[in-house]
Amino acid sequence: MARSGLKTLPKPGEVWLSCPPYLMMARIVDVDLASEPPVVSYELHDDDGSLLQAVEHATLDGGWWRTFQRLEPRFG
């Protein structure tokens, strides 16, 4: 299902970083693209790795990409 304005879709197991001014990590638990609108469930962690909140069925829309960016794995 192609949607205009969508970038990389989050996948379960990935970690996404919040955009400034905050530094939080979202560990993706589930993504439901069949839902209308699509939704994402994730665990929100602070910069020390402590669990702050479990979020279920957050709307996967432009607000998601304004708030989070995918953490790119780096090796070496």
C-alpha atoms as a PDB file:
ATOM      1  CA  MET A   1       0.000   0.000   0.000  1.00  0.00           C
ATOM      2  CA  ALA A   2       1.774   3.165  -1.156  1.00  0.00           C
ATOM      3  CA  ARG A   3       0.990   6.389   0.641  1.00  0.00           C
ATOM      4  CA  SER A   4       2.341   9.746  -0.394  1.00  0.00           C
ATOM      5  CA  GLY A   5       4.619  11.378   2.151  1.00  0.00           C
ATOM      6  CA  LEU A   6       5.630   8.103   3.788  1.00  0.00           C
ATOM      7  CA  LYS A   7       9.279   7.509   4.418  1.00  0.00           C
ATOM      8  CA  THR A   8      10.849   4.382   5.896  1.00  0.00           C
ATOM      9  CA  LEU A   9       8.214   2.375   7.722  1.00  0.00           C
ATOM     10  CA  PRO A  10       9.042   1.280  11.266  1.00  0.00           C
ATOM     11  CA  LYS A  11       9.438  -2.469  11.772  1.00  0.00           C
ATOM     12  CA  PRO A  12       9.123  -4.521  14.961  1.00  0.00           C
ATOM     13  CA  GLY A  13      12.454  -4.707  16.767  1.00  0.00           C
ATOM     14  CA  GLU A  14      13.803  -1.438  15.337  1.00  0.00           C
ATOM     15  CA  VAL A  15      14.797   1.500  17.516  1.00  0.00           C
ATOM     16  CA  TRP A  16      13.829   5.035  16.537  1.00  0.00           C
ATOM     17  CA  LEU A  17      15.164   8.217  18.155  1.00  0.00           C
ATOM     18  CA  SER A  18      13.046  11.195  19.099  1.00  0.00           C
ATOM     19  CA  CYS A  19      13.913  14.425  17.362  1.00  0.00           C
ATOM     20  CA  PRO A  20      15.297  17.369  19.390  1.00  0.00           C
ATOM     21  CA  PRO A  21      14.754  18.875  21.891  1.00  0.00           C
ATOM     22  CA  TYR A  22      14.132  15.504  23.577  1.00  0.00           C
ATOM     23  CA  LEU A  23      16.351  12.425  23.628  1.00  0.00           C
ATOM     24  CA  MET A  24      14.184   9.340  23.876  1.00  0.00           C
ATOM     25  CA  MET A  25      14.197   5.996  22.112  1.00  0.00           C
ATOM     26  CA  ALA A  26      11.158   4.178  20.748  1.00  0.00           C
ATOM     27  CA  ARG A  27      11.565   0.403  20.489  1.00  0.00           C
ATOM     28  CA  ILE A  28       8.997  -0.725  17.918  1.00  0.00           C
ATOM     29  CA  VAL A  29       6.744  -3.541  19.144  1.00  0.00           C
ATOM     30  CA  ASP A  30       4.153  -3.774  16.353  1.00  0.00           C
ATOM     31  CA  VAL A  31       3.038  -2.010  13.178  1.00  0.00           C
ATOM     32  CA  ASP A  32      -0.452  -2.491  11.756  1.00  0.00           C
ATOM     33  CA  LEU A  33      -0.646  -1.226   8.184  1.00  0.00           C
ATOM     34  CA  ALA A  34      -4.033  -2.889   7.637  1.00  0.00           C
ATOM     35  CA  SER A  35      -5.609  -0.531  10.161  1.00  0.00           C
ATOM     36  CA  GLU A  36      -7.072   2.707   8.837  1.00  0.00           C
ATOM     37  CA  PRO A  37      -5.185   4.836   9.621  1.00  0.00           C
ATOM     38  CA  PRO A  38      -2.054   2.679  10.104  1.00  0.00           C
ATOM     39  CA  VAL A  39      -0.862   2.429  13.711  1.00  0.00           C
ATOM     40  CA  VAL A  40       2.387   1.692  15.540  1.00  0.00           C
ATOM     41  CA  SER A  41       2.937   0.320  19.054  1.00  0.00           C
ATOM     42  CA  TYR A  42       6.215   1.011  20.834  1.00  0.00           C
ATOM     43  CA  GLU A  43       8.024   1.227  24.159  1.00  0.00           C
ATOM     44  CA  LEU A  44       9.372   4.694  24.945  1.00  0.00           C
ATOM     45  CA  HIS A  45      12.732   4.712  26.786  1.00  0.00           C
ATOM     46  CA  ASP A  46      14.791   7.600  28.168  1.00  0.00           C
ATOM     47  CA  ASP A  47      18.453   8.145  27.319  1.00  0.00           C
ATOM     48  CA  ASP A  48      19.461   5.767  30.151  1.00  0.00           C
ATOM     49  CA  GLY A  49      17.299   2.993  28.697  1.00  0.00           C
ATOM     50  CA  SER A  50      14.627   3.148  31.414  1.00  0.00           C
ATOM     51  CA  LEU A  51      11.111   2.375  30.210  1.00  0.00           C
ATOM     52  CA  LEU A  52       8.976   5.512  30.372  1.00  0.00           C
ATOM     53  CA  GLN A  53       5.780   4.350  28.705  1.00  0.00           C
ATOM     54  CA  ALA A  54       4.278   1.648  26.520  1.00  0.00           C
ATOM     55  CA  VAL A  55       2.330   3.230  23.661  1.00  0.00           C
ATOM     56  CA  GLU A  56      -0.232   1.174  21.766  1.00  0.00           C
ATOM     57  CA  HIS A  57      -1.852   2.048  18.454  1.00  0.00           C
ATOM     58  CA  ALA A  58      -0.339   5.483  17.879  1.00  0.00           C
ATOM     59  CA  THR A  59      -1.359   6.841  14.492  1.00  0.00           C
ATOM     60  CA  LEU A  60       1.370   6.384  11.916  1.00  0.00           C
ATOM     61  CA  ASP A  61       1.097   9.709  10.132  1.00  0.00           C
ATOM     62  CA  GLY A  62       3.209  12.771   9.414  1.00  0.00           C
ATOM     63  CA  GLY A  63       3.441  13.462  13.137  1.00  0.00           C
ATOM     64  CA  TRP A  64       5.353  10.201  13.580  1.00  0.00           C
ATOM     65  CA  TRP A  65       8.100  11.316  11.158  1.00  0.00           C
ATOM     66  CA  ARG A  66       8.252  14.799  12.703  1.00  0.00           C
ATOM     67  CA  THR A  67       8.744  13.214  16.154  1.00  0.00           C
ATOM     68  CA  PHE A  68      10.978  10.206  15.412  1.00  0.00           C
ATOM     69  CA  GLN A  69      13.848   9.270  13.121  1.00  0.00           C
ATOM     70  CA  ARG A  70      15.102   5.745  12.497  1.00  0.00           C
ATOM     71  CA  LEU A  71      18.281   4.847  14.376  1.00  0.00           C
ATOM     72  CA  GLU A  72      20.663   3.706  11.663  1.00  0.00           C
ATOM     73  CA  PRO A  73      22.856   0.809  12.798  1.00  0.00           C
ATOM     74  CA  ARG A  74      26.568   1.534  12.446  1.00  0.00           C
ATOM     75  CA  PHE A  75      29.263  -1.091  12.456  1.00  0.00           C
ATOM     76  CA  GLY A  76      32.987  -0.690  13.051  1.00  0.00           C
END
